[in-house]
Amino acid sequence: MAAAGVFLFFLGLASRPTSSAADMVAERLQSYARGGVDLPLTEDEIVLQQPFSDRFIRPTVERVGRYFAARTSEQQRYSLLTQLDLAGRPGDLSPEDFTVFRYAACVALFAVGLLLGALTGEPVLIVVFAAVTALMGFYGPLLWLRSRVSKRRREIQMALPDALDLLTIAVEAGLGLDAAIKRVTEKFQNALADEFAKVLQETMLGRSRLDALDEMGRRSGVEDLHNFVQAIIQSEQMGVGVARILRLQSDEIRRKRRQRAQEKAAQASLKMMLPMVGCIFPTLWIVLLGPAVLLVLKVRG
């Protein structure tokens, strides 16, 4: 990794344009010839003004990503794209970028494992460290992506009742559904507000509002949000008042939230048994039985 960093650093220095005295004189003569008016930049000048990451790193990652994408099945690519959408597209990563990141992490951690194993001087440890770190680099990004998906779903689940209350109040006050959704995006800064913002952007681009809402419900992976979207779609299709549906959905989601809290409270006693049996009881046994054991050993000795 250090060698690659040094190589990229000197490559960036070598790619910078060098200006000699002759070039400066030529530029000044051209400036006088055109009356001091700056001519538009050439294509090479525009490219050289871009950051090194945009000129070299990003195209390289995209090229390697296309190489791996050509050797990946369409089903796997679609599954990865779905996971990235559920995670909220962290870092604006595409499936190709994420695949390149996995292989790069695998190679980098493999090199770190070899270095750590070489420090021990044991061939077996070299192989073990290299294999373990390579597996960590290859499967670690997947675990990280799944954790992001779970965290985003919990965030949407927690923000849904408050968002529905605001939607209900806005619609009952006379706003349309689109204006109420826009009010939610302005009021909250969370994953649910981002999903609603995507719905508004898609409707502005010409997509049907019902289709955009349905796609949001399926994309989020949250059952309560999907049920809410289906209720809105049915109300639009059957001509039922949206305000009434929003009020019913808000009350229903609040009720489900209380039920989930009661379930977690009932499970707390069972979850506390494991740390009690594994941590507290052994300590009590040592404190209570330790003197007796020492006394028995002393008598026998």
C-alpha atoms as a PDB file:
ATOM      1  CA  MET A   1       0.000   0.000   0.000  1.00  0.00           C
ATOM      2  CA  ALA A   2       2.884   2.384   0.779  1.00  0.00           C
ATOM      3  CA  ALA A   3       4.508   1.622  -2.575  1.00  0.00           C
ATOM      4  CA  ALA A   4       1.214   2.214  -4.368  1.00  0.00           C
ATOM      5  CA  GLY A   5       0.789   5.539  -2.569  1.00  0.00           C
ATOM      6  CA  VAL A   6       4.297   6.684  -3.544  1.00  0.00           C
ATOM      7  CA  PHE A   7       3.678   5.608  -7.145  1.00  0.00           C
ATOM      8  CA  LEU A   8       0.387   7.527  -7.353  1.00  0.00           C
ATOM      9  CA  PHE A   9       2.003  10.606  -5.766  1.00  0.00           C
ATOM     10  CA  PHE A  10       4.839  10.780  -8.306  1.00  0.00           C
ATOM     11  CA  LEU A  11       2.452   9.928 -11.130  1.00  0.00           C
ATOM     12  CA  GLY A  12       0.323  12.902 -10.118  1.00  0.00           C
ATOM     13  CA  LEU A  13       3.393  15.137 -10.058  1.00  0.00           C
ATOM     14  CA  ALA A  14       4.495  13.883 -13.456  1.00  0.00           C
ATOM     15  CA  SER A  15       1.062  14.527 -14.971  1.00  0.00           C
ATOM     16  CA  ARG A  16       1.064  18.196 -13.953  1.00  0.00           C
ATOM     17  CA  PRO A  17       1.725  20.606 -16.805  1.00  0.00           C
ATOM     18  CA  THR A  18       5.183  22.181 -16.736  1.00  0.00           C
ATOM     19  CA  SER A  19       5.527  25.719 -18.028  1.00  0.00           C
ATOM     20  CA  SER A  20       8.855  26.903 -19.438  1.00  0.00           C
ATOM     21  CA  ALA A  21       9.933  30.426 -20.275  1.00  0.00           C
ATOM     22  CA  ALA A  22       9.128  29.873 -23.946  1.00  0.00           C
ATOM     23  CA  ASP A  23       5.629  28.778 -23.071  1.00  0.00           C
ATOM     24  CA  MET A  24       5.121  31.870 -20.918  1.00  0.00           C
ATOM     25  CA  VAL A  25       6.311  34.154 -23.734  1.00  0.00           C
ATOM     26  CA  ALA A  26       4.031  32.396 -26.208  1.00  0.00           C
ATOM     27  CA  GLU A  27       1.042  32.812 -23.879  1.00  0.00           C
ATOM     28  CA  ARG A  28       1.767  36.530 -23.438  1.00  0.00           C
ATOM     29  CA  LEU A  29       2.094  37.045 -27.205  1.00  0.00           C
ATOM     30  CA  GLN A  30      -1.221  35.277 -27.739  1.00  0.00           C
ATOM     31  CA  SER A  31      -2.795  37.466 -25.062  1.00  0.00           C
ATOM     32  CA  TYR A  32      -1.565  40.657 -26.784  1.00  0.00           C
ATOM     33  CA  ALA A  33      -2.659  39.326 -30.174  1.00  0.00           C
ATOM     34  CA  ARG A  34      -6.253  38.781 -29.032  1.00  0.00           C
ATOM     35  CA  GLY A  35      -6.415  42.104 -27.194  1.00  0.00           C
ATOM     36  CA  GLY A  36      -6.199  40.759 -23.666  1.00  0.00           C
ATOM     37  CA  VAL A  37      -9.289  38.560 -24.060  1.00  0.00           C
ATOM     38  CA  ASP A  38      -8.923  35.057 -22.654  1.00  0.00           C
ATOM     39  CA  LEU A  39      -9.657  32.339 -25.178  1.00  0.00           C
ATOM     40  CA  PRO A  40     -11.662  29.277 -24.107  1.00  0.00           C
ATOM     41  CA  LEU A  41      -9.616  26.470 -22.596  1.00  0.00           C
ATOM     42  CA  THR A  42      -8.728  23.480 -24.694  1.00  0.00           C
ATOM     43  CA  GLU A  43      -9.921  19.981 -23.817  1.00  0.00           C
ATOM     44  CA  ASP A  44      -6.484  18.992 -22.478  1.00  0.00           C
ATOM     45  CA  GLU A  45      -6.352  22.070 -20.250  1.00  0.00           C
ATOM     46  CA  ILE A  46      -9.803  21.344 -18.856  1.00  0.00           C
ATOM     47  CA  VAL A  47      -8.809  17.745 -18.084  1.00  0.00           C
ATOM     48  CA  LEU A  48      -5.548  18.797 -16.419  1.00  0.00           C
ATOM     49  CA  GLN A  49      -7.393  21.237 -14.166  1.00  0.00           C
ATOM     50  CA  GLN A  50      -9.469  18.449 -12.652  1.00  0.00           C
ATOM     51  CA  PRO A  51      -8.348  16.795  -9.388  1.00  0.00           C
ATOM     52  CA  PHE A  52      -6.109  13.744  -9.573  1.00  0.00           C
ATOM     53  CA  SER A  53      -8.881  11.548  -8.172  1.00  0.00           C
ATOM     54  CA  ASP A  54     -11.200  12.490 -11.059  1.00  0.00           C
ATOM     55  CA  ARG A  55      -8.487  12.119 -13.689  1.00  0.00           C
ATOM     56  CA  PHE A  56      -6.963   8.819 -12.613  1.00  0.00           C
ATOM     57  CA  ILE A  57      -8.440   7.094  -9.562  1.00  0.00           C
ATOM     58  CA  ARG A  58     -12.121   7.277 -10.509  1.00  0.00           C
ATOM     59  CA  PRO A  59     -11.635   6.103 -14.141  1.00  0.00           C
ATOM     60  CA  THR A  60      -9.413   3.263 -12.910  1.00  0.00           C
ATOM     61  CA  VAL A  61     -12.028   2.123 -10.404  1.00  0.00           C
ATOM     62  CA  GLU A  62     -14.761   2.275 -13.062  1.00  0.00           C
ATOM     63  CA  ARG A  63     -12.628   0.302 -15.527  1.00  0.00           C
ATOM     64  CA  VAL A  64     -11.880  -2.419 -12.976  1.00  0.00           C
ATOM     65  CA  GLY A  65     -15.538  -2.405 -11.914  1.00  0.00           C
ATOM     66  CA  ARG A  66     -16.683  -3.026 -15.483  1.00  0.00           C
ATOM     67  CA  TYR A  67     -14.215  -5.900 -15.692  1.00  0.00           C
ATOM     68  CA  PHE A  68     -15.704  -7.583 -12.617  1.00  0.00           C
ATOM     69  CA  ALA A  69     -19.265  -6.737 -13.669  1.00  0.00           C
ATOM     70  CA  ALA A  70     -18.749  -8.565 -16.961  1.00  0.00           C
ATOM     71  CA  ARG A  71     -17.866 -11.694 -14.958  1.00  0.00           C
ATOM     72  CA  THR A  72     -20.737 -11.380 -12.452  1.00  0.00           C
ATOM     73  CA  SER A  73     -24.181 -12.821 -13.031  1.00  0.00           C
ATOM     74  CA  GLU A  74     -27.094 -10.455 -13.491  1.00  0.00           C
ATOM     75  CA  GLN A  75     -28.868 -11.895 -10.458  1.00  0.00           C
ATOM     76  CA  GLN A  76     -25.918 -11.206  -8.146  1.00  0.00           C
ATOM     77  CA  ARG A  77     -25.549  -7.689  -9.516  1.00  0.00           C
ATOM     78  CA  TYR A  78     -29.254  -6.971  -9.005  1.00  0.00           C
ATOM     79  CA  SER A  79     -29.094  -8.342  -5.461  1.00  0.00           C
ATOM     80  CA  LEU A  80     -26.122  -6.111  -4.650  1.00  0.00           C
ATOM     81  CA  LEU A  81     -27.876  -3.113  -6.204  1.00  0.00           C
ATOM     82  CA  THR A  82     -30.911  -3.801  -4.015  1.00  0.00           C
ATOM     83  CA  GLN A  83     -28.742  -3.977  -0.892  1.00  0.00           C
ATOM     84  CA  LEU A  84     -27.070  -0.687  -1.772  1.00  0.00           C
ATOM     85  CA  ASP A  85     -30.461   0.964  -2.309  1.00  0.00           C
ATOM     86  CA  LEU A  86     -31.691  -0.355   1.040  1.00  0.00           C
ATOM     87  CA  ALA A  87     -28.551   1.045   2.678  1.00  0.00           C
ATOM     88  CA  GLY A  88     -29.192   4.468   1.152  1.00  0.00           C
ATOM     89  CA  ARG A  89     -26.328   4.309  -1.378  1.00  0.00           C
ATOM     90  CA  PRO A  90     -23.450   5.062   1.056  1.00  0.00           C
ATOM     91  CA  GLY A  91     -20.780   7.091  -0.680  1.00  0.00           C
ATOM     92  CA  ASP A  92     -22.881   6.968  -3.885  1.00  0.00           C
ATOM     93  CA  LEU A  93     -21.409   3.523  -4.553  1.00  0.00           C
ATOM     94  CA  SER A  94     -22.508   1.504  -7.548  1.00  0.00           C
ATOM     95  CA  PRO A  95     -22.380  -2.312  -7.595  1.00  0.00           C
ATOM     96  CA  GLU A  96     -19.165  -2.128  -9.625  1.00  0.00           C
ATOM     97  CA  ASP A  97     -17.550   0.300  -7.170  1.00  0.00           C
ATOM     98  CA  PHE A  98     -18.533  -1.870  -4.205  1.00  0.00           C
ATOM     99  CA  THR A  99     -17.094  -4.975  -5.876  1.00  0.00           C
ATOM    100  CA  VAL A 100     -13.804  -3.180  -6.535  1.00  0.00           C
ATOM    101  CA  PHE A 101     -13.774  -2.010  -2.909  1.00  0.00           C
ATOM    102  CA  ARG A 102     -14.212  -5.607  -1.694  1.00  0.00           C
ATOM    103  CA  TYR A 103     -11.327  -6.958  -3.769  1.00  0.00           C
ATOM    104  CA  ALA A 104      -9.102  -3.988  -2.877  1.00  0.00           C
ATOM    105  CA  ALA A 105      -9.795  -4.515   0.831  1.00  0.00           C
ATOM    106  CA  CYS A 106      -9.075  -8.223   0.427  1.00  0.00           C
ATOM    107  CA  VAL A 107      -5.693  -7.566  -1.218  1.00  0.00           C
ATOM    108  CA  ALA A 108      -4.732  -4.831   1.258  1.00  0.00           C
ATOM    109  CA  LEU A 109      -5.593  -6.878   4.343  1.00  0.00           C
ATOM    110  CA  PHE A 110      -3.891  -9.918   2.805  1.00  0.00           C
ATOM    111  CA  ALA A 111      -0.697  -7.877   2.595  1.00  0.00           C
ATOM    112  CA  VAL A 112      -1.172  -6.733   6.195  1.00  0.00           C
ATOM    113  CA  GLY A 113      -1.659 -10.361   7.274  1.00  0.00           C
ATOM    114  CA  LEU A 114       1.538 -11.404   5.502  1.00  0.00           C
ATOM    115  CA  LEU A 115       3.411  -8.598   7.245  1.00  0.00           C
ATOM    116  CA  LEU A 116       2.087  -9.553  10.676  1.00  0.00           C
ATOM    117  CA  GLY A 117       2.877 -13.213  10.060  1.00  0.00           C
ATOM    118  CA  ALA A 118       6.375 -12.352   8.874  1.00  0.00           C
ATOM    119  CA  LEU A 119       6.980 -10.488  12.119  1.00  0.00           C
ATOM    120  CA  THR A 120       6.300 -13.681  14.091  1.00  0.00           C
ATOM    121  CA  GLY A 121       8.717 -15.732  11.953  1.00  0.00           C
ATOM    122  CA  GLU A 122       6.432 -18.792  11.968  1.00  0.00           C
ATOM    123  CA  PRO A 123       5.353 -20.128   8.523  1.00  0.00           C
ATOM    124  CA  VAL A 124       2.097 -21.482   9.946  1.00  0.00           C
ATOM    125  CA  LEU A 125       1.191 -18.123  11.462  1.00  0.00           C
ATOM    126  CA  ILE A 126       2.018 -16.386   8.189  1.00  0.00           C
ATOM    127  CA  VAL A 127      -0.504 -18.565   6.355  1.00  0.00           C
ATOM    128  CA  VAL A 128      -3.124 -18.210   9.104  1.00  0.00           C
ATOM    129  CA  PHE A 129      -2.806 -14.433   9.369  1.00  0.00           C
ATOM    130  CA  ALA A 130      -2.876 -13.972   5.593  1.00  0.00           C
ATOM    131  CA  ALA A 131      -5.945 -16.207   5.167  1.00  0.00           C
ATOM    132  CA  VAL A 132      -7.862 -14.623   8.073  1.00  0.00           C
ATOM    133  CA  THR A 133      -7.167 -11.033   7.027  1.00  0.00           C
ATOM    134  CA  ALA A 134      -8.006 -11.797   3.379  1.00  0.00           C
ATOM    135  CA  LEU A 135     -11.365 -13.259   4.427  1.00  0.00           C
ATOM    136  CA  MET A 136     -11.975 -10.228   6.637  1.00  0.00           C
ATOM    137  CA  GLY A 137     -11.275  -7.902   3.713  1.00  0.00           C
ATOM    138  CA  PHE A 138     -13.510  -9.858   1.344  1.00  0.00           C
ATOM    139  CA  TYR A 139     -16.535 -10.447   3.613  1.00  0.00           C
ATOM    140  CA  GLY A 140     -16.135  -7.439   5.904  1.00  0.00           C
ATOM    141  CA  PRO A 141     -17.717  -4.977   3.421  1.00  0.00           C
ATOM    142  CA  LEU A 142     -20.740  -7.280   3.084  1.00  0.00           C
ATOM    143  CA  LEU A 143     -21.223  -7.337   6.851  1.00  0.00           C
ATOM    144  CA  TRP A 144     -20.828  -3.569   6.930  1.00  0.00           C
ATOM    145  CA  LEU A 145     -23.439  -3.188   4.162  1.00  0.00           C
ATOM    146  CA  ARG A 146     -25.898  -5.436   6.000  1.00  0.00           C
ATOM    147  CA  SER A 147     -25.425  -3.432   9.182  1.00  0.00           C
ATOM    148  CA  ARG A 148     -26.142  -0.237   7.234  1.00  0.00           C
ATOM    149  CA  VAL A 149     -29.321  -1.792   5.845  1.00  0.00           C
ATOM    150  CA  SER A 150     -30.506  -2.831   9.321  1.00  0.00           C
ATOM    151  CA  LYS A 151     -29.673   0.579  10.779  1.00  0.00           C
ATOM    152  CA  ARG A 152     -31.534   2.388   7.992  1.00  0.00           C
ATOM    153  CA  ARG A 153     -34.591   0.181   8.413  1.00  0.00           C
ATOM    154  CA  ARG A 154     -34.671   0.865  12.151  1.00  0.00           C
ATOM    155  CA  GLU A 155     -34.342   4.578  11.475  1.00  0.00           C
ATOM    156  CA  ILE A 156     -37.273   4.504   9.055  1.00  0.00           C
ATOM    157  CA  GLN A 157     -39.320   2.427  11.507  1.00  0.00           C
ATOM    158  CA  MET A 158     -38.699   4.893  14.344  1.00  0.00           C
ATOM    159  CA  ALA A 159     -39.413   7.987  12.236  1.00  0.00           C
ATOM    160  CA  LEU A 160     -42.587   6.674  10.592  1.00  0.00           C
ATOM    161  CA  PRO A 161     -45.145   7.513  13.363  1.00  0.00           C
ATOM    162  CA  ASP A 162     -44.034  11.144  13.672  1.00  0.00           C
ATOM    163  CA  ALA A 163     -43.960  11.559   9.897  1.00  0.00           C
ATOM    164  CA  LEU A 164     -47.490  10.138   9.579  1.00  0.00           C
ATOM    165  CA  ASP A 165     -48.741  12.508  12.284  1.00  0.00           C
ATOM    166  CA  LEU A 166     -47.319  15.458  10.361  1.00  0.00           C
ATOM    167  CA  LEU A 167     -48.777  14.151   7.090  1.00  0.00           C
ATOM    168  CA  THR A 168     -52.186  13.778   8.730  1.00  0.00           C
ATOM    169  CA  ILE A 169     -52.150  17.278  10.198  1.00  0.00           C
ATOM    170  CA  ALA A 170     -50.985  18.824   6.912  1.00  0.00           C
ATOM    171  CA  VAL A 171     -53.654  17.042   4.818  1.00  0.00           C
ATOM    172  CA  GLU A 172     -56.418  17.841   7.304  1.00  0.00           C
ATOM    173  CA  ALA A 173     -55.297  21.480   7.175  1.00  0.00           C
ATOM    174  CA  GLY A 174     -56.007  21.547   3.439  1.00  0.00           C
ATOM    175  CA  LEU A 175     -52.689  20.699   1.812  1.00  0.00           C
ATOM    176  CA  GLY A 176     -52.417  18.166  -0.962  1.00  0.00           C
ATOM    177  CA  LEU A 177     -50.526  14.918  -0.495  1.00  0.00           C
ATOM    178  CA  ASP A 178     -47.497  16.148  -2.463  1.00  0.00           C
ATOM    179  CA  ALA A 179     -47.331  19.368  -0.452  1.00  0.00           C
ATOM    180  CA  ALA A 180     -47.674  17.369   2.779  1.00  0.00           C
ATOM    181  CA  ILE A 181     -44.823  15.059   1.745  1.00  0.00           C
ATOM    182  CA  LYS A 182     -42.701  18.103   0.948  1.00  0.00           C
ATOM    183  CA  ARG A 183     -43.450  19.469   4.410  1.00  0.00           C
ATOM    184  CA  VAL A 184     -42.179  16.191   5.906  1.00  0.00           C
ATOM    185  CA  THR A 185     -38.930  16.433   3.943  1.00  0.00           C
ATOM    186  CA  GLU A 186     -38.436  19.987   5.218  1.00  0.00           C
ATOM    187  CA  LYS A 187     -39.241  19.129   8.837  1.00  0.00           C
ATOM    188  CA  PHE A 188     -37.207  15.941   9.308  1.00  0.00           C
ATOM    189  CA  GLN A 189     -33.629  15.021   8.446  1.00  0.00           C
ATOM    190  CA  ASN A 190     -33.577  11.217   8.458  1.00  0.00           C
ATOM    191  CA  ALA A 191     -33.782   8.189   6.186  1.00  0.00           C
ATOM    192  CA  LEU A 192     -37.568   8.421   5.815  1.00  0.00           C
ATOM    193  CA  ALA A 193     -37.323  12.050   4.716  1.00  0.00           C
ATOM    194  CA  ASP A 194     -34.732  11.002   2.119  1.00  0.00           C
ATOM    195  CA  GLU A 195     -37.119   8.361   0.769  1.00  0.00           C
ATOM    196  CA  PHE A 196     -39.938  10.898   0.517  1.00  0.00           C
ATOM    197  CA  ALA A 197     -37.568  13.314  -1.228  1.00  0.00           C
ATOM    198  CA  LYS A 198     -36.818  10.627  -3.829  1.00  0.00           C
ATOM    199  CA  VAL A 199     -40.572  10.220  -4.398  1.00  0.00           C
ATOM    200  CA  LEU A 200     -40.937  13.957  -5.028  1.00  0.00           C
ATOM    201  CA  GLN A 201     -37.985  13.967  -7.421  1.00  0.00           C
ATOM    202  CA  GLU A 202     -39.417  11.050  -9.399  1.00  0.00           C
ATOM    203  CA  THR A 203     -42.835  12.714  -9.664  1.00  0.00           C
ATOM    204  CA  MET A 204     -41.183  15.933 -10.868  1.00  0.00           C
ATOM    205  CA  LEU A 205     -39.433  13.914 -13.582  1.00  0.00           C
ATOM    206  CA  GLY A 206     -42.790  12.640 -14.836  1.00  0.00           C
ATOM    207  CA  ARG A 207     -43.323   9.398 -12.966  1.00  0.00           C
ATOM    208  CA  SER A 208     -46.709   8.607 -11.523  1.00  0.00           C
ATOM    209  CA  ARG A 209     -47.044   9.396  -7.813  1.00  0.00           C
ATOM    210  CA  LEU A 210     -48.564   6.008  -7.031  1.00  0.00           C
ATOM    211  CA  ASP A 211     -45.752   4.184  -8.820  1.00  0.00           C
ATOM    212  CA  ALA A 212     -43.131   6.254  -6.985  1.00  0.00           C
ATOM    213  CA  LEU A 213     -44.781   5.551  -3.621  1.00  0.00           C
ATOM    214  CA  ASP A 214     -45.076   1.843  -4.401  1.00  0.00           C
ATOM    215  CA  GLU A 215     -41.407   1.699  -5.350  1.00  0.00           C
ATOM    216  CA  MET A 216     -40.498   3.462  -2.102  1.00  0.00           C
ATOM    217  CA  GLY A 217     -42.444   0.932  -0.036  1.00  0.00           C
ATOM    218  CA  ARG A 218     -40.784  -2.014  -1.748  1.00  0.00           C
ATOM    219  CA  ARG A 219     -37.328  -0.433  -1.724  1.00  0.00           C
ATOM    220  CA  SER A 220     -37.314   0.413   1.982  1.00  0.00           C
ATOM    221  CA  GLY A 221     -37.972  -3.137   3.189  1.00  0.00           C
ATOM    222  CA  VAL A 222     -40.023  -1.826   6.157  1.00  0.00           C
ATOM    223  CA  GLU A 223     -43.344  -3.630   6.514  1.00  0.00           C
ATOM    224  CA  ASP A 224     -45.202  -0.741   8.173  1.00  0.00           C
ATOM    225  CA  LEU A 225     -44.137   1.710   5.476  1.00  0.00           C
ATOM    226  CA  HIS A 226     -45.126  -0.748   2.761  1.00  0.00           C
ATOM    227  CA  ASN A 227     -48.569  -1.225   4.340  1.00  0.00           C
ATOM    228  CA  PHE A 228     -49.007   2.544   4.590  1.00  0.00           C
ATOM    229  CA  VAL A 229     -48.123   3.000   0.916  1.00  0.00           C
ATOM    230  CA  GLN A 230     -50.542   0.254  -0.129  1.00  0.00           C
ATOM    231  CA  ALA A 231     -53.315   1.929   1.879  1.00  0.00           C
ATOM    232  CA  ILE A 232     -52.614   5.252   0.137  1.00  0.00           C
ATOM    233  CA  ILE A 233     -52.669   3.565  -3.275  1.00  0.00           C
ATOM    234  CA  GLN A 234     -55.987   1.848  -2.528  1.00  0.00           C
ATOM    235  CA  SER A 235     -57.518   5.098  -1.291  1.00  0.00           C
ATOM    236  CA  GLU A 236     -56.440   6.868  -4.480  1.00  0.00           C
ATOM    237  CA  GLN A 237     -57.838   4.111  -6.667  1.00  0.00           C
ATOM    238  CA  MET A 238     -61.142   3.779  -4.771  1.00  0.00           C
ATOM    239  CA  GLY A 239     -61.712   7.491  -4.205  1.00  0.00           C
ATOM    240  CA  VAL A 240     -61.565   7.388  -0.399  1.00  0.00           C
ATOM    241  CA  GLY A 241     -60.445  10.520   1.451  1.00  0.00           C
ATOM    242  CA  VAL A 242     -56.692  10.565   2.031  1.00  0.00           C
ATOM    243  CA  ALA A 243     -57.007  12.354   5.383  1.00  0.00           C
ATOM    244  CA  ARG A 244     -59.128   9.554   6.826  1.00  0.00           C
ATOM    245  CA  ILE A 245     -56.687   6.882   5.621  1.00  0.00           C
ATOM    246  CA  LEU A 246     -53.754   8.806   7.075  1.00  0.00           C
ATOM    247  CA  ARG A 247     -55.486   9.090  10.440  1.00  0.00           C
ATOM    248  CA  LEU A 248     -56.246   5.368  10.524  1.00  0.00           C
ATOM    249  CA  GLN A 249     -52.712   4.440   9.482  1.00  0.00           C
ATOM    250  CA  SER A 250     -51.218   6.777  12.074  1.00  0.00           C
ATOM    251  CA  ASP A 251     -53.273   5.212  14.870  1.00  0.00           C
ATOM    252  CA  GLU A 252     -52.454   1.699  13.642  1.00  0.00           C
ATOM    253  CA  ILE A 253     -48.708   2.331  13.499  1.00  0.00           C
ATOM    254  CA  ARG A 254     -48.780   3.880  16.977  1.00  0.00           C
ATOM    255  CA  ARG A 255     -50.552   0.781  18.262  1.00  0.00           C
ATOM    256  CA  LYS A 256     -47.982  -1.512  16.649  1.00  0.00           C
ATOM    257  CA  ARG A 257     -45.192   0.566  18.137  1.00  0.00           C
ATOM    258  CA  ARG A 258     -46.622   0.084  21.642  1.00  0.00           C
ATOM    259  CA  GLN A 259     -46.967  -3.649  21.030  1.00  0.00           C
ATOM    260  CA  ARG A 260     -43.318  -3.934  19.950  1.00  0.00           C
ATOM    261  CA  ALA A 261     -42.241  -2.016  23.066  1.00  0.00           C
ATOM    262  CA  GLN A 262     -44.265  -4.385  25.264  1.00  0.00           C
ATOM    263  CA  GLU A 263     -42.741  -7.410  23.533  1.00  0.00           C
ATOM    264  CA  LYS A 264     -39.212  -6.110  24.097  1.00  0.00           C
ATOM    265  CA  ALA A 265     -40.018  -5.406  27.740  1.00  0.00           C
ATOM    266  CA  ALA A 266     -41.312  -8.980  28.167  1.00  0.00           C
ATOM    267  CA  GLN A 267     -38.142 -10.377  26.559  1.00  0.00           C
ATOM    268  CA  ALA A 268     -35.844  -8.332  28.808  1.00  0.00           C
ATOM    269  CA  SER A 269     -36.026 -10.796  31.706  1.00  0.00           C
ATOM    270  CA  LEU A 270     -35.075 -13.713  29.453  1.00  0.00           C
ATOM    271  CA  LYS A 271     -32.190 -11.783  27.905  1.00  0.00           C
ATOM    272  CA  MET A 272     -30.872 -10.865  31.351  1.00  0.00           C
ATOM    273  CA  MET A 273     -30.510 -14.526  32.334  1.00  0.00           C
ATOM    274  CA  LEU A 274     -27.467 -15.103  30.121  1.00  0.00           C
ATOM    275  CA  PRO A 275     -25.234 -12.382  31.647  1.00  0.00           C
ATOM    276  CA  MET A 276     -26.477 -13.324  35.122  1.00  0.00           C
ATOM    277  CA  VAL A 277     -25.622 -17.006  34.695  1.00  0.00           C
ATOM    278  CA  GLY A 278     -22.367 -16.330  32.886  1.00  0.00           C
ATOM    279  CA  CYS A 279     -21.008 -13.395  34.892  1.00  0.00           C
ATOM    280  CA  ILE A 280     -22.781 -12.854  38.209  1.00  0.00           C
ATOM    281  CA  PHE A 281     -23.340 -16.420  39.451  1.00  0.00           C
ATOM    282  CA  PRO A 282     -19.696 -17.560  39.012  1.00  0.00           C
ATOM    283  CA  THR A 283     -18.561 -14.542  41.017  1.00  0.00           C
ATOM    284  CA  LEU A 284     -21.011 -15.384  43.808  1.00  0.00           C
ATOM    285  CA  TRP A 285     -19.838 -18.997  43.839  1.00  0.00           C
ATOM    286  CA  ILE A 286     -16.211 -17.900  44.134  1.00  0.00           C
ATOM    287  CA  VAL A 287     -17.024 -15.511  46.979  1.00  0.00           C
ATOM    288  CA  LEU A 288     -19.225 -17.961  48.876  1.00  0.00           C
ATOM    289  CA  LEU A 289     -17.436 -21.249  48.207  1.00  0.00           C
ATOM    290  CA  GLY A 290     -13.863 -19.953  47.894  1.00  0.00           C
ATOM    291  CA  PRO A 291     -13.097 -19.851  51.658  1.00  0.00           C
ATOM    292  CA  ALA A 292     -14.623 -23.289  52.165  1.00  0.00           C
ATOM    293  CA  VAL A 293     -12.513 -24.752  49.336  1.00  0.00           C
ATOM    294  CA  LEU A 294      -9.364 -23.147  50.779  1.00  0.00           C
ATOM    295  CA  LEU A 295     -10.207 -24.529  54.212  1.00  0.00           C
ATOM    296  CA  VAL A 296     -10.710 -28.053  52.854  1.00  0.00           C
ATOM    297  CA  LEU A 297      -7.424 -27.900  50.961  1.00  0.00           C
ATOM    298  CA  LYS A 298      -5.637 -26.679  54.100  1.00  0.00           C
ATOM    299  CA  VAL A 299      -7.084 -29.507  56.221  1.00  0.00           C
ATOM    300  CA  ARG A 300      -6.088 -32.126  53.661  1.00  0.00           C
ATOM    301  CA  GLY A 301      -2.626 -30.651  53.357  1.00  0.00           C
END
